[in-house]
Amino acid sequence: MPEGAPGSLEVYVNGVRQHAGSDFVLEGDHLVFSRPLAREGSLGFWRWLSLFLGVAGTYRRNDTVDIVYRREGRRVVASGLPLEPLG
């Protein structure tokens, strides 16, 4: 979570509003989701070449997490937050 983000915030995964308790919990300064999230890694040479030539597309999961909160009375959006595995 961004530094200074309060406990009261709006959370979105892929643009869909998430609900505290059922979709995620706040543990310290981390959001822990009830379902696994994934970020597409970098493309290798062959995958990039197949995309460039139009032979194949990419269908890997690429979840994005955005939060909306208030800082000094203004609405602040933190977009594309990094995903970290539990551990």
N, C-alpha and C. Protein backbone atom coordinates (compact mmCIF):
# COMPACT_ATOMS: atom_id res chain seq x y z
N MET A 1 0.84 -1.18 0.00
CA MET A 1 0.00 0.00 0.00
C MET A 1 0.89 1.24 0.00
N PRO A 2 0.43 2.30 -0.63
CA PRO A 2 1.20 3.53 -0.61
C PRO A 2 1.33 4.08 0.80
N GLU A 3 2.45 4.70 1.09
CA GLU A 3 2.67 5.28 2.40
C GLU A 3 1.67 6.38 2.65
N GLY A 4 1.09 6.40 3.82
CA GLY A 4 0.12 7.43 4.17
C GLY A 4 -1.31 7.10 3.80
N ALA A 5 -1.54 5.94 3.17
CA ALA A 5 -2.91 5.56 2.84
C ALA A 5 -3.62 5.12 4.12
N PRO A 6 -4.79 5.68 4.40
CA PRO A 6 -5.50 5.31 5.63
C PRO A 6 -6.15 3.94 5.51
N GLY A 7 -6.67 3.45 6.61
CA GLY A 7 -7.35 2.17 6.62
C GLY A 7 -8.67 2.20 5.85
N SER A 8 -9.27 3.39 5.71
CA SER A 8 -10.52 3.54 4.98
C SER A 8 -10.22 3.86 3.53
N LEU A 9 -10.48 2.91 2.64
CA LEU A 9 -10.16 3.11 1.23
C LEU A 9 -11.05 2.27 0.34
N GLU A 10 -11.06 2.60 -0.94
CA GLU A 10 -11.76 1.82 -1.95
C GLU A 10 -10.72 0.98 -2.68
N VAL A 11 -11.04 -0.29 -2.90
CA VAL A 11 -10.10 -1.19 -3.56
C VAL A 11 -10.76 -1.76 -4.81
N TYR A 12 -10.00 -1.77 -5.91
CA TYR A 12 -10.49 -2.28 -7.19
C TYR A 12 -9.49 -3.29 -7.74
N VAL A 13 -9.98 -4.40 -8.25
CA VAL A 13 -9.16 -5.38 -8.98
C VAL A 13 -9.72 -5.44 -10.39
N ASN A 14 -8.89 -5.12 -11.37
CA ASN A 14 -9.31 -5.09 -12.77
C ASN A 14 -10.53 -4.20 -12.96
N GLY A 15 -10.60 -3.11 -12.19
CA GLY A 15 -11.68 -2.14 -12.33
C GLY A 15 -12.96 -2.50 -11.60
N VAL A 16 -12.98 -3.64 -10.89
CA VAL A 16 -14.18 -4.08 -10.17
C VAL A 16 -13.99 -3.82 -8.68
N ARG A 17 -14.94 -3.11 -8.07
CA ARG A 17 -14.86 -2.77 -6.64
C ARG A 17 -14.82 -4.04 -5.80
N GLN A 18 -13.90 -4.05 -4.83
CA GLN A 18 -13.75 -5.17 -3.91
C GLN A 18 -14.27 -4.74 -2.54
N HIS A 19 -14.72 -5.71 -1.74
CA HIS A 19 -15.32 -5.41 -0.45
C HIS A 19 -14.46 -6.00 0.67
N ALA A 20 -14.17 -5.15 1.66
CA ALA A 20 -13.38 -5.59 2.82
C ALA A 20 -14.10 -6.72 3.53
N GLY A 21 -13.35 -7.71 3.93
CA GLY A 21 -13.92 -8.85 4.65
C GLY A 21 -14.22 -10.02 3.74
N SER A 22 -14.94 -9.77 2.63
CA SER A 22 -15.27 -10.88 1.73
C SER A 22 -14.25 -11.03 0.59
N ASP A 23 -13.73 -9.93 0.07
CA ASP A 23 -12.78 -10.00 -1.04
C ASP A 23 -11.32 -9.81 -0.60
N PHE A 24 -11.12 -9.05 0.47
CA PHE A 24 -9.76 -8.80 0.95
C PHE A 24 -9.80 -8.41 2.42
N VAL A 25 -8.66 -8.52 3.08
CA VAL A 25 -8.49 -8.01 4.43
C VAL A 25 -7.23 -7.15 4.44
N LEU A 26 -7.18 -6.19 5.33
CA LEU A 26 -6.03 -5.33 5.48
C LEU A 26 -5.20 -5.87 6.64
N GLU A 27 -3.99 -6.32 6.35
CA GLU A 27 -3.07 -6.84 7.37
C GLU A 27 -1.85 -5.93 7.41
N GLY A 28 -1.81 -5.06 8.41
CA GLY A 28 -0.73 -4.08 8.47
C GLY A 28 -0.86 -3.12 7.32
N ASP A 29 0.17 -3.06 6.47
CA ASP A 29 0.11 -2.18 5.29
C ASP A 29 -0.02 -2.99 4.01
N HIS A 30 -0.57 -4.22 4.12
CA HIS A 30 -0.77 -5.08 2.95
C HIS A 30 -2.24 -5.45 2.80
N LEU A 31 -2.70 -5.51 1.57
CA LEU A 31 -4.02 -6.05 1.27
C LEU A 31 -3.84 -7.52 0.96
N VAL A 32 -4.61 -8.38 1.62
CA VAL A 32 -4.56 -9.81 1.38
C VAL A 32 -5.90 -10.22 0.77
N PHE A 33 -5.84 -10.75 -0.44
CA PHE A 33 -7.06 -11.08 -1.17
C PHE A 33 -7.46 -12.52 -0.95
N SER A 34 -8.77 -12.77 -1.03
CA SER A 34 -9.29 -14.12 -0.81
C SER A 34 -9.08 -15.03 -2.02
N ARG A 35 -8.74 -14.45 -3.17
CA ARG A 35 -8.45 -15.26 -4.36
C ARG A 35 -7.05 -14.92 -4.86
N PRO A 36 -6.41 -15.84 -5.53
CA PRO A 36 -5.06 -15.55 -6.03
C PRO A 36 -5.09 -14.53 -7.17
N LEU A 37 -4.12 -13.63 -7.17
CA LEU A 37 -3.97 -12.64 -8.23
C LEU A 37 -2.66 -12.93 -8.95
N ALA A 38 -2.59 -12.58 -10.22
CA ALA A 38 -1.38 -12.87 -11.00
C ALA A 38 -1.05 -11.69 -11.91
N ARG A 39 0.22 -11.51 -12.15
CA ARG A 39 0.69 -10.47 -13.06
C ARG A 39 1.47 -11.16 -14.17
N GLU A 40 1.16 -10.81 -15.41
CA GLU A 40 1.86 -11.40 -16.55
C GLU A 40 3.31 -10.98 -16.51
N GLY A 41 4.20 -11.94 -16.66
CA GLY A 41 5.63 -11.65 -16.67
C GLY A 41 6.06 -11.06 -18.00
N SER A 42 7.34 -10.80 -18.13
CA SER A 42 7.84 -10.25 -19.38
C SER A 42 7.77 -11.31 -20.48
N LEU A 43 7.62 -10.86 -21.69
CA LEU A 43 7.51 -11.77 -22.82
C LEU A 43 8.89 -12.19 -23.30
N GLY A 44 9.05 -13.47 -23.57
CA GLY A 44 10.29 -13.97 -24.15
C GLY A 44 10.33 -13.65 -25.64
N PHE A 45 11.47 -13.91 -26.24
CA PHE A 45 11.67 -13.59 -27.65
C PHE A 45 10.62 -14.25 -28.54
N TRP A 46 10.40 -15.57 -28.38
CA TRP A 46 9.48 -16.29 -29.26
C TRP A 46 8.05 -15.83 -29.07
N ARG A 47 7.66 -15.56 -27.85
CA ARG A 47 6.30 -15.09 -27.59
C ARG A 47 6.11 -13.69 -28.21
N TRP A 48 7.10 -12.82 -28.02
CA TRP A 48 7.04 -11.49 -28.60
C TRP A 48 6.96 -11.57 -30.12
N LEU A 49 7.79 -12.44 -30.72
CA LEU A 49 7.80 -12.59 -32.18
C LEU A 49 6.45 -13.09 -32.69
N SER A 50 5.83 -14.06 -32.00
CA SER A 50 4.53 -14.57 -32.44
C SER A 50 3.46 -13.50 -32.34
N LEU A 51 3.54 -12.62 -31.31
CA LEU A 51 2.61 -11.50 -31.21
C LEU A 51 2.82 -10.51 -32.35
N PHE A 52 4.08 -10.21 -32.62
CA PHE A 52 4.43 -9.25 -33.67
C PHE A 52 3.95 -9.72 -35.03
N LEU A 53 4.11 -11.03 -35.30
CA LEU A 53 3.71 -11.58 -36.59
C LEU A 53 2.21 -11.89 -36.66
N GLY A 54 1.52 -11.76 -35.54
CA GLY A 54 0.08 -12.02 -35.53
C GLY A 54 -0.27 -13.49 -35.51
N VAL A 55 0.70 -14.34 -35.14
CA VAL A 55 0.46 -15.78 -35.10
C VAL A 55 -0.35 -16.15 -33.87
N ALA A 56 -0.04 -15.53 -32.75
CA ALA A 56 -0.72 -15.87 -31.49
C ALA A 56 -0.90 -14.62 -30.66
N GLY A 57 -1.86 -14.67 -29.77
CA GLY A 57 -2.09 -13.58 -28.82
C GLY A 57 -1.58 -13.99 -27.46
N THR A 58 -1.78 -13.12 -26.50
CA THR A 58 -1.39 -13.46 -25.14
C THR A 58 -2.65 -13.53 -24.30
N TYR A 59 -2.80 -14.61 -23.59
CA TYR A 59 -4.01 -14.83 -22.80
C TYR A 59 -3.68 -15.10 -21.35
N ARG A 60 -2.54 -14.65 -20.90
CA ARG A 60 -2.17 -14.84 -19.51
C ARG A 60 -2.92 -13.84 -18.64
N ARG A 61 -3.09 -14.22 -17.38
CA ARG A 61 -3.75 -13.32 -16.43
C ARG A 61 -2.84 -12.15 -16.13
N ASN A 62 -3.43 -10.99 -16.04
CA ASN A 62 -2.68 -9.79 -15.72
C ASN A 62 -3.56 -8.89 -14.85
N ASP A 63 -3.69 -9.27 -13.57
CA ASP A 63 -4.55 -8.54 -12.65
C ASP A 63 -3.91 -7.21 -12.25
N THR A 64 -4.75 -6.19 -12.12
CA THR A 64 -4.28 -4.89 -11.63
C THR A 64 -5.05 -4.53 -10.38
N VAL A 65 -4.34 -3.94 -9.42
CA VAL A 65 -4.94 -3.52 -8.16
C VAL A 65 -4.79 -2.01 -8.06
N ASP A 66 -5.92 -1.34 -7.83
CA ASP A 66 -5.94 0.11 -7.66
C ASP A 66 -6.65 0.42 -6.35
N ILE A 67 -6.17 1.45 -5.65
CA ILE A 67 -6.88 1.89 -4.45
C ILE A 67 -7.16 3.39 -4.55
N VAL A 68 -8.26 3.79 -3.93
CA VAL A 68 -8.66 5.19 -3.89
C VAL A 68 -8.80 5.57 -2.41
N TYR A 69 -8.16 6.67 -2.02
CA TYR A 69 -8.25 7.12 -0.64
C TYR A 69 -8.15 8.64 -0.60
N ARG A 70 -8.34 9.21 0.56
CA ARG A 70 -8.28 10.67 0.72
C ARG A 70 -7.01 11.05 1.47
N ARG A 71 -6.33 12.07 0.95
CA ARG A 71 -5.15 12.63 1.60
C ARG A 71 -5.31 14.14 1.58
N GLU A 72 -5.30 14.74 2.76
CA GLU A 72 -5.44 16.19 2.90
C GLU A 72 -6.69 16.70 2.17
N GLY A 73 -7.77 15.94 2.27
CA GLY A 73 -9.04 16.35 1.69
C GLY A 73 -9.19 16.08 0.20
N ARG A 74 -8.14 15.57 -0.44
CA ARG A 74 -8.21 15.29 -1.88
C ARG A 74 -8.31 13.80 -2.11
N ARG A 75 -8.99 13.44 -3.19
CA ARG A 75 -9.12 12.04 -3.59
C ARG A 75 -7.84 11.64 -4.36
N VAL A 76 -7.18 10.58 -3.88
CA VAL A 76 -5.92 10.12 -4.47
C VAL A 76 -6.11 8.69 -4.98
N VAL A 77 -5.59 8.43 -6.18
CA VAL A 77 -5.68 7.09 -6.76
C VAL A 77 -4.26 6.53 -6.91
N ALA A 78 -4.06 5.33 -6.34
CA ALA A 78 -2.80 4.61 -6.53
C ALA A 78 -3.13 3.45 -7.47
N SER A 79 -2.53 3.44 -8.65
CA SER A 79 -2.89 2.48 -9.68
C SER A 79 -1.75 1.51 -9.97
N GLY A 80 -2.12 0.28 -10.33
CA GLY A 80 -1.13 -0.72 -10.72
C GLY A 80 -0.19 -1.09 -9.60
N LEU A 81 -0.72 -1.27 -8.40
CA LEU A 81 0.12 -1.60 -7.25
C LEU A 81 0.80 -2.96 -7.46
N PRO A 82 2.02 -3.12 -6.94
CA PRO A 82 2.73 -4.38 -7.12
C PRO A 82 2.05 -5.53 -6.38
N LEU A 83 2.14 -6.72 -6.95
CA LEU A 83 1.60 -7.93 -6.32
C LEU A 83 2.75 -8.68 -5.68
N GLU A 84 2.56 -9.14 -4.46
CA GLU A 84 3.57 -9.91 -3.75
C GLU A 84 2.95 -11.21 -3.29
N PRO A 85 3.67 -12.32 -3.44
CA PRO A 85 3.14 -13.60 -2.94
C PRO A 85 3.14 -13.62 -1.42
N LEU A 86 2.23 -14.38 -0.85
CA LEU A 86 2.21 -14.55 0.61
C LEU A 86 3.41 -15.38 1.03
N GLY A 87 3.91 -15.11 2.20
CA GLY A 87 5.02 -15.94 2.64
C GLY A 87 5.78 -15.37 3.70
